[in-house]
């Protein structure tokens, strides 16, 4: 005998398909929500980790800024000490300069010349005095130019003058003082320190 199913099988298949579709849709939505939540949590964790790194770097940068400020302060103090050292070395090297200048003036002074005023301004020495003749002044200028201590004598003025009923030439001249270059003075002081050690 033939069995005939008169039940509405198409509706049951439709319901079954609809139920499967709903289950699959809910499962897909659940998986999607889970993925979104997992991605959100992962990104939040990365952001928190990056914030910690940034905070650490900011702290280290602040420490480095303090150290850089200390280094700048130390550099300024070092430069001040070096400047003081240079001043002391310059004073040390020029301590005997006045004696050398006066000694050379005496040695280079020809007969018949008398100085009444010697004035030093920096590297310039101004000599004022009397000479028996203008030829003696030119001799003085040549001998000063030949000296190791003086250079570039420059006659400012020469005029006839009467001193103690004696006719003399009053002169005024400038002469530059030769100084050692600071670099050679530093190298000589360094060589002296090596010898001392």
C-alpha atoms as a PDB file:
ATOM      1  CA  UNK A   1       0.000   0.000   0.000  1.00  0.00           C
ATOM      2  CA  UNK A   2       1.229   3.463  -0.798  1.00  0.00           C
ATOM      3  CA  UNK A   3       1.758   5.834   2.057  1.00  0.00           C
ATOM      4  CA  UNK A   4       0.886   9.376   1.408  1.00  0.00           C
ATOM      5  CA  UNK A   5       2.000  12.010   3.772  1.00  0.00           C
ATOM      6  CA  UNK A   6      -0.566  14.689   3.860  1.00  0.00           C
ATOM      7  CA  UNK A   7       1.233  16.725   6.487  1.00  0.00           C
ATOM      8  CA  UNK A   8       2.506  20.143   5.318  1.00  0.00           C
ATOM      9  CA  UNK A   9       6.156  19.114   4.787  1.00  0.00           C
ATOM     10  CA  UNK A  10       7.035  22.257   2.910  1.00  0.00           C
ATOM     11  CA  UNK A  11       6.121  24.404   5.872  1.00  0.00           C
ATOM     12  CA  UNK A  12       8.152  22.173   8.156  1.00  0.00           C
ATOM     13  CA  UNK A  13      11.165  22.484   5.841  1.00  0.00           C
ATOM     14  CA  UNK A  14      10.640  26.247   5.757  1.00  0.00           C
ATOM     15  CA  UNK A  15      10.468  26.365   9.557  1.00  0.00           C
ATOM     16  CA  UNK A  16      13.546  24.191   9.841  1.00  0.00           C
ATOM     17  CA  UNK A  17      15.425  26.410   7.376  1.00  0.00           C
ATOM     18  CA  UNK A  18      14.282  29.486   9.241  1.00  0.00           C
ATOM     19  CA  UNK A  19      15.420  27.996  12.557  1.00  0.00           C
ATOM     20  CA  UNK A  20      18.813  27.080  11.054  1.00  0.00           C
ATOM     21  CA  UNK A  21      19.118  30.583   9.600  1.00  0.00           C
ATOM     22  CA  UNK A  22      18.284  32.159  12.975  1.00  0.00           C
ATOM     23  CA  UNK A  23      20.769  29.870  14.790  1.00  0.00           C
ATOM     24  CA  UNK A  24      23.501  30.583  12.226  1.00  0.00           C
ATOM     25  CA  UNK A  25      22.731  34.323  12.339  1.00  0.00           C
ATOM     26  CA  UNK A  26      22.830  34.383  16.133  1.00  0.00           C
ATOM     27  CA  UNK A  27      26.030  32.336  16.097  1.00  0.00           C
ATOM     28  CA  UNK A  28      27.573  34.732  13.542  1.00  0.00           C
ATOM     29  CA  UNK A  29      26.428  37.731  15.577  1.00  0.00           C
ATOM     30  CA  UNK A  30      27.850  36.168  18.738  1.00  0.00           C
ATOM     31  CA  UNK A  31      31.171  35.430  16.992  1.00  0.00           C
ATOM     32  CA  UNK A  32      31.219  38.989  15.572  1.00  0.00           C
ATOM     33  CA  UNK A  33      30.510  40.515  18.976  1.00  0.00           C
ATOM     34  CA  UNK A  34      33.185  38.273  20.529  1.00  0.00           C
ATOM     35  CA  UNK A  35      35.697  39.363  17.875  1.00  0.00           C
ATOM     36  CA  UNK A  36      34.827  43.039  18.411  1.00  0.00           C
ATOM     37  CA  UNK A  37      35.103  42.673  22.199  1.00  0.00           C
ATOM     38  CA  UNK A  38      38.407  40.783  21.869  1.00  0.00           C
ATOM     39  CA  UNK A  39      39.772  43.424  19.471  1.00  0.00           C
ATOM     40  CA  UNK A  40      38.593  46.209  21.817  1.00  0.00           C
ATOM     41  CA  UNK A  41      40.234  44.533  24.816  1.00  0.00           C
ATOM     42  CA  UNK A  42      43.448  43.937  22.842  1.00  0.00           C
ATOM     43  CA  UNK A  43      43.561  47.561  21.654  1.00  0.00           C
ATOM     44  CA  UNK A  44      42.767  48.818  25.154  1.00  0.00           C
ATOM     45  CA  UNK A  45      45.603  46.689  26.542  1.00  0.00           C
ATOM     46  CA  UNK A  46      47.998  47.995  23.851  1.00  0.00           C
ATOM     47  CA  UNK A  47      46.936  51.593  24.537  1.00  0.00           C
ATOM     48  CA  UNK A  48      47.441  51.080  28.276  1.00  0.00           C
ATOM     49  CA  UNK A  49      50.878  49.526  27.623  1.00  0.00           C
ATOM     50  CA  UNK A  50      51.797  52.388  25.286  1.00  0.00           C
ATOM     51  CA  UNK A  51      50.618  54.913  27.903  1.00  0.00           C
ATOM     52  CA  UNK A  52      52.886  53.227  30.458  1.00  0.00           C
ATOM     53  CA  UNK A  53      55.783  53.381  27.986  1.00  0.00           C
ATOM     54  CA  UNK A  54      55.062  57.043  27.268  1.00  0.00           C
ATOM     55  CA  UNK A  55      54.906  57.820  30.983  1.00  0.00           C
ATOM     56  CA  UNK A  56      58.226  55.985  31.485  1.00  0.00           C
ATOM     57  CA  UNK A  57      59.793  57.885  28.570  1.00  0.00           C
ATOM     58  CA  UNK A  58      58.463  61.186  29.927  1.00  0.00           C
ATOM     59  CA  UNK A  59      60.011  60.394  33.305  1.00  0.00           C
ATOM     60  CA  UNK A  60      63.330  59.472  31.680  1.00  0.00           C
ATOM     61  CA  UNK A  61      63.195  62.626  29.530  1.00  0.00           C
ATOM     62  CA  UNK A  62      62.640  64.711  32.661  1.00  0.00           C
ATOM     63  CA  UNK A  63      65.668  63.024  34.276  1.00  0.00           C
ATOM     64  CA  UNK A  64      67.747  63.674  31.150  1.00  0.00           C
ATOM     65  CA  UNK A  65      66.624  67.306  31.089  1.00  0.00           C
ATOM     66  CA  UNK A  66      67.808  67.690  34.682  1.00  0.00           C
ATOM     67  CA  UNK A  67      71.128  66.039  33.807  1.00  0.00           C
ATOM     68  CA  UNK A  68      71.507  68.264  30.739  1.00  0.00           C
ATOM     69  CA  UNK A  69      70.836  71.330  32.898  1.00  0.00           C
ATOM     70  CA  UNK A  70      73.477  70.108  35.370  1.00  0.00           C
ATOM     71  CA  UNK A  71      75.911  69.524  32.496  1.00  0.00           C
ATOM     72  CA  UNK A  72      75.285  73.053  31.182  1.00  0.00           C
ATOM     73  CA  UNK A  73      75.904  74.436  34.670  1.00  0.00           C
ATOM     74  CA  UNK A  74      79.109  72.422  34.912  1.00  0.00           C
ATOM     75  CA  UNK A  75      80.204  73.655  31.474  1.00  0.00           C
ATOM     76  CA  UNK A  76      79.657  77.265  32.547  1.00  0.00           C
ATOM     77  CA  UNK A  77      81.586  76.687  35.783  1.00  0.00           C
ATOM     78  CA  UNK A  78      84.364  74.980  33.799  1.00  0.00           C
ATOM     79  CA  UNK A  79      84.528  77.917  31.371  1.00  0.00           C
ATOM     80  CA  UNK A  80      84.697  80.367  34.281  1.00  0.00           C
ATOM     81  CA  UNK A  81      87.524  78.353  35.825  1.00  0.00           C
ATOM     82  CA  UNK A  82      89.364  78.243  32.491  1.00  0.00           C
ATOM     83  CA  UNK A  83      88.959  82.010  32.115  1.00  0.00           C
ATOM     84  CA  UNK A  84      90.323  82.525  35.639  1.00  0.00           C
ATOM     85  CA  UNK A  85      93.199  80.178  34.853  1.00  0.00           C
ATOM     86  CA  UNK A  86      94.016  82.167  31.699  1.00  0.00           C
ATOM     87  CA  UNK A  87      93.977  85.423  33.659  1.00  0.00           C
ATOM     88  CA  UNK A  88      96.283  83.933  36.287  1.00  0.00           C
ATOM     89  CA  UNK A  89      98.610  82.559  33.595  1.00  0.00           C
ATOM     90  CA  UNK A  90      98.621  85.915  31.818  1.00  0.00           C
ATOM     91  CA  UNK A  91      99.454  87.671  35.084  1.00  0.00           C
ATOM     92  CA  UNK A  92     102.129  85.075  35.803  1.00  0.00           C
ATOM     93  CA  UNK A  93     103.714  85.523  32.391  1.00  0.00           C
ATOM     94  CA  UNK A  94     103.539  89.338  32.546  1.00  0.00           C
ATOM     95  CA  UNK A  95     104.807  89.557  36.111  1.00  0.00           C
ATOM     96  CA  UNK A  96     108.367  90.262  35.021  1.00  0.00           C
ATOM     97  CA  UNK A  97     107.310  92.302  31.987  1.00  0.00           C
ATOM     98  CA  UNK A  98     107.773  95.702  33.653  1.00  0.00           C
ATOM     99  CA  UNK A  99     111.291  94.790  34.710  1.00  0.00           C
ATOM    100  CA  UNK A 100     112.115  93.618  31.173  1.00  0.00           C
ATOM    101  CA  UNK A 101     110.653  96.799  29.666  1.00  0.00           C
ATOM    102  CA  UNK A 102     112.678  99.074  31.966  1.00  0.00           C
ATOM    103  CA  UNK A 103     115.805  96.979  31.448  1.00  0.00           C
ATOM    104  CA  UNK A 104     115.458  97.169  27.666  1.00  0.00           C
ATOM    105  CA  UNK A 105     114.768 100.900  27.813  1.00  0.00           C
ATOM    106  CA  UNK A 106     118.019 101.420  29.709  1.00  0.00           C
ATOM    107  CA  UNK A 107     119.926  99.174  27.295  1.00  0.00           C
ATOM    108  CA  UNK A 108     118.507 100.787  24.137  1.00  0.00           C
ATOM    109  CA  UNK A 109     118.792 104.390  25.359  1.00  0.00           C
ATOM    110  CA  UNK A 110     121.598 106.225  23.502  1.00  0.00           C
ATOM    111  CA  UNK A 111     123.652 108.922  25.172  1.00  0.00           C
ATOM    112  CA  UNK A 112     122.195 112.397  25.177  1.00  0.00           C
ATOM    113  CA  UNK A 113     118.587 111.321  25.748  1.00  0.00           C
ATOM    114  CA  UNK A 114     116.761 111.828  29.037  1.00  0.00           C
ATOM    115  CA  UNK A 115     113.288 110.508  29.754  1.00  0.00           C
ATOM    116  CA  UNK A 116     110.919 112.506  31.887  1.00  0.00           C
ATOM    117  CA  UNK A 117     107.820 110.299  31.542  1.00  0.00           C
ATOM    118  CA  UNK A 118     107.162 106.648  30.663  1.00  0.00           C
ATOM    119  CA  UNK A 119     103.530 105.557  30.451  1.00  0.00           C
ATOM    120  CA  UNK A 120     102.176 102.126  29.506  1.00  0.00           C
ATOM    121  CA  UNK A 121      98.630 101.662  28.195  1.00  0.00           C
ATOM    122  CA  UNK A 122      97.999  98.038  27.225  1.00  0.00           C
ATOM    123  CA  UNK A 123     100.544  97.166  24.524  1.00  0.00           C
ATOM    124  CA  UNK A 124     101.534 100.789  23.923  1.00  0.00           C
ATOM    125  CA  UNK A 125     104.395 102.510  25.717  1.00  0.00           C
ATOM    126  CA  UNK A 126     104.519 106.319  25.546  1.00  0.00           C
ATOM    127  CA  UNK A 127     107.937 107.895  26.061  1.00  0.00           C
ATOM    128  CA  UNK A 128     108.370 111.611  26.739  1.00  0.00           C
ATOM    129  CA  UNK A 129     111.797 113.142  27.205  1.00  0.00           C
ATOM    130  CA  UNK A 130     114.578 115.408  26.042  1.00  0.00           C
ATOM    131  CA  UNK A 131     117.305 114.828  23.486  1.00  0.00           C
ATOM    132  CA  UNK A 132     120.395 116.853  22.661  1.00  0.00           C
ATOM    133  CA  UNK A 133     119.557 116.515  18.962  1.00  0.00           C
ATOM    134  CA  UNK A 134     116.875 115.052  16.726  1.00  0.00           C
ATOM    135  CA  UNK A 135     119.463 112.568  15.370  1.00  0.00           C
ATOM    136  CA  UNK A 136     119.632 110.990  18.815  1.00  0.00           C
ATOM    137  CA  UNK A 137     115.843 110.534  18.776  1.00  0.00           C
ATOM    138  CA  UNK A 138     116.089 108.702  15.442  1.00  0.00           C
ATOM    139  CA  UNK A 139     118.903 106.568  16.919  1.00  0.00           C
ATOM    140  CA  UNK A 140     116.626 105.757  19.855  1.00  0.00           C
ATOM    141  CA  UNK A 141     113.819 104.788  17.467  1.00  0.00           C
ATOM    142  CA  UNK A 142     116.124 102.491  15.472  1.00  0.00           C
ATOM    143  CA  UNK A 143     117.465 100.809  18.595  1.00  0.00           C
ATOM    144  CA  UNK A 144     113.930 100.332  19.960  1.00  0.00           C
ATOM    145  CA  UNK A 145     112.872  98.789  16.655  1.00  0.00           C
ATOM    146  CA  UNK A 146     115.858  96.407  16.775  1.00  0.00           C
ATOM    147  CA  UNK A 147     114.987  95.339  20.330  1.00  0.00           C
ATOM    148  CA  UNK A 148     113.221  92.019  21.002  1.00  0.00           C
ATOM    149  CA  UNK A 149     110.844  93.702  23.472  1.00  0.00           C
ATOM    150  CA  UNK A 150     109.713  96.694  21.378  1.00  0.00           C
ATOM    151  CA  UNK A 151     108.414  97.187  17.854  1.00  0.00           C
ATOM    152  CA  UNK A 152     107.004  99.906  15.600  1.00  0.00           C
ATOM    153  CA  UNK A 153     108.293 103.093  17.263  1.00  0.00           C
ATOM    154  CA  UNK A 154     106.210 106.079  16.161  1.00  0.00           C
ATOM    155  CA  UNK A 155     107.364 109.673  16.728  1.00  0.00           C
ATOM    156  CA  UNK A 156     104.403 111.821  17.750  1.00  0.00           C
ATOM    157  CA  UNK A 157     106.102 115.161  18.285  1.00  0.00           C
ATOM    158  CA  UNK A 158     109.514 116.760  18.542  1.00  0.00           C
ATOM    159  CA  UNK A 159     110.032 120.431  19.384  1.00  0.00           C
ATOM    160  CA  UNK A 160     112.772 122.745  20.572  1.00  0.00           C
ATOM    161  CA  UNK A 161     112.699 123.499  24.239  1.00  0.00           C
ATOM    162  CA  UNK A 162     114.761 125.420  26.767  1.00  0.00           C
ATOM    163  CA  UNK A 163     115.538 123.450  29.936  1.00  0.00           C
ATOM    164  CA  UNK A 164     117.824 124.916  32.620  1.00  0.00           C
ATOM    165  CA  UNK A 165     119.219 127.431  30.120  1.00  0.00           C
ATOM    166  CA  UNK A 166     120.092 124.572  27.782  1.00  0.00           C
ATOM    167  CA  UNK A 167     118.614 124.178  24.324  1.00  0.00           C
ATOM    168  CA  UNK A 168     117.153 120.646  23.961  1.00  0.00           C
ATOM    169  CA  UNK A 169     114.634 118.853  21.755  1.00  0.00           C
ATOM    170  CA  UNK A 170     111.567 117.660  23.624  1.00  0.00           C
ATOM    171  CA  UNK A 171     110.087 114.533  22.035  1.00  0.00           C
ATOM    172  CA  UNK A 172     107.077 112.334  22.453  1.00  0.00           C
ATOM    173  CA  UNK A 173     106.962 108.870  20.877  1.00  0.00           C
ATOM    174  CA  UNK A 174     104.934 105.689  21.088  1.00  0.00           C
ATOM    175  CA  UNK A 175     106.320 102.190  20.825  1.00  0.00           C
ATOM    176  CA  UNK A 176     104.487  98.871  20.882  1.00  0.00           C
ATOM    177  CA  UNK A 177     105.458  96.174  23.349  1.00  0.00           C
ATOM    178  CA  UNK A 178     106.054  92.774  21.805  1.00  0.00           C
ATOM    179  CA  UNK A 179     104.186  90.040  23.654  1.00  0.00           C
ATOM    180  CA  UNK A 180     104.319  86.318  23.181  1.00  0.00           C
ATOM    181  CA  UNK A 181     101.267  84.780  21.557  1.00  0.00           C
ATOM    182  CA  UNK A 182      99.044  83.081  24.164  1.00  0.00           C
ATOM    183  CA  UNK A 183      99.245  79.711  22.396  1.00  0.00           C
ATOM    184  CA  UNK A 184     103.053  79.665  22.625  1.00  0.00           C
ATOM    185  CA  UNK A 185     102.866  80.781  26.250  1.00  0.00           C
ATOM    186  CA  UNK A 186     100.436  77.938  26.972  1.00  0.00           C
ATOM    187  CA  UNK A 187     102.703  75.429  25.237  1.00  0.00           C
ATOM    188  CA  UNK A 188     105.712  76.730  27.180  1.00  0.00           C
ATOM    189  CA  UNK A 189     103.830  76.474  30.485  1.00  0.00           C
ATOM    190  CA  UNK A 190     102.720  72.945  29.571  1.00  0.00           C
ATOM    191  CA  UNK A 191     106.333  72.033  28.727  1.00  0.00           C
ATOM    192  CA  UNK A 192     107.463  73.511  32.057  1.00  0.00           C
ATOM    193  CA  UNK A 193     104.863  71.402  33.889  1.00  0.00           C
ATOM    194  CA  UNK A 194     106.074  68.260  32.094  1.00  0.00           C
ATOM    195  CA  UNK A 195     109.638  68.996  33.111  1.00  0.00           C
ATOM    196  CA  UNK A 196     108.505  69.560  36.695  1.00  0.00           C
ATOM    197  CA  UNK A 197     106.766  66.152  36.696  1.00  0.00           C
END
